[in-house]
Protein backbone atom coordinates (compact mmCIF):
# COMPACT_ATOMS: atom_id res chain seq x y z
CA MET A 1 -65.71 36.35 43.84
CA THR A 2 -62.77 37.58 41.78
CA ASN A 3 -59.73 35.77 42.10
CA LEU A 4 -58.22 39.37 43.80
CA GLU A 5 -61.12 38.73 46.04
CA LYS A 6 -59.98 35.12 46.56
CA PHE A 7 -56.22 35.98 47.20
CA PHE A 8 -56.93 38.19 49.82
CA THR A 9 -59.61 35.85 51.58
CA ALA A 10 -57.12 33.10 51.39
CA LEU A 11 -54.32 35.60 52.61
CA ASN A 12 -56.71 36.47 55.63
CA THR A 13 -57.35 32.72 56.58
CA LEU A 14 -53.75 31.45 56.41
CA ARG A 15 -52.08 34.93 58.28
CA ALA A 16 -54.79 37.35 59.91
CA ASN A 17 -53.86 41.08 59.26
CA THR A 18 -51.29 40.66 56.20
CA GLU A 19 -50.76 43.84 54.63
CA CYS A 20 -49.73 43.96 50.77
CA THR A 21 -50.22 45.39 47.53
CA VAL A 22 -51.06 43.84 44.35
CA ASN A 23 -50.24 44.74 41.08
CA GLY A 24 -52.63 42.36 38.89
CA ASN A 25 -54.25 39.39 39.50
CA ILE A 26 -52.54 36.70 41.24
CA VAL A 27 -53.27 34.03 39.58
CA THR A 28 -49.64 32.08 38.79
CA GLU A 29 -46.58 31.68 41.28
CA ASP A 30 -44.88 33.90 38.92
CA ASN A 31 -47.38 36.65 39.88
CA PHE A 32 -47.23 35.88 43.90
CA ASN A 33 -43.62 35.94 43.69
CA ASN A 34 -43.46 39.21 41.40
CA ASN A 35 -46.70 41.47 41.64
CA ILE A 36 -46.98 41.78 45.22
CA GLN A 37 -45.28 44.25 47.71
CA TRP A 38 -45.59 43.17 51.28
CA THR A 39 -45.87 45.72 54.27
CA THR A 40 -43.44 45.11 57.02
CA GLY A 41 -44.01 48.56 59.09
CA VAL A 42 -44.21 52.09 58.97
CA ASP A 43 -41.78 54.61 58.92
CA GLY A 44 -43.99 57.80 60.03
CA GLU A 45 -46.78 57.64 57.21
CA MET A 46 -44.98 55.87 54.95
CA ALA A 47 -44.82 51.97 54.52
CA ILE A 48 -41.94 49.93 54.58
CA THR A 49 -42.34 47.30 52.03
CA VAL A 50 -40.39 44.36 50.56
CA SER A 51 -40.90 42.32 47.39
CA SER A 52 -40.44 38.72 48.57
CA CYS A 53 -42.94 37.28 51.28
CA PRO A 54 -41.78 37.66 54.99
CA HIS A 55 -43.98 35.07 55.72
CA SER A 56 -43.05 31.72 55.78
CA GLU A 57 -46.55 29.84 55.68
CA LEU A 58 -47.63 32.34 52.93
CA THR A 59 -46.48 30.26 50.09
CA TRP A 60 -48.09 30.12 46.57
CA THR A 61 -49.19 26.50 47.32
CA ALA A 62 -50.71 27.07 50.56
CA VAL A 63 -52.23 30.35 49.08
CA LYS A 64 -53.54 28.74 45.81
CA ALA A 65 -54.82 25.96 47.98
CA GLU A 66 -57.02 28.23 49.67
CA MET A 67 -58.22 30.59 46.81
CA ASP A 68 -59.21 27.15 45.26
CA LYS A 69 -61.48 26.43 48.23
CA LEU A 70 -63.62 29.11 47.35
């Protein structure tokens, strides 16, 4: 399983149906904080995204712990 697959599996475990776009691998807290666009809604056909995680349960520590289990 790749790091990216682990990342998305961990997200789904912690918060089902979370949508985001990832730029590169998420292997460090810096990657987690800077390389993800989190989808918060849709305006017509365009996704509304934010760069900081809008979900309090999805911290780097929690995501990394789940990734390490895989």
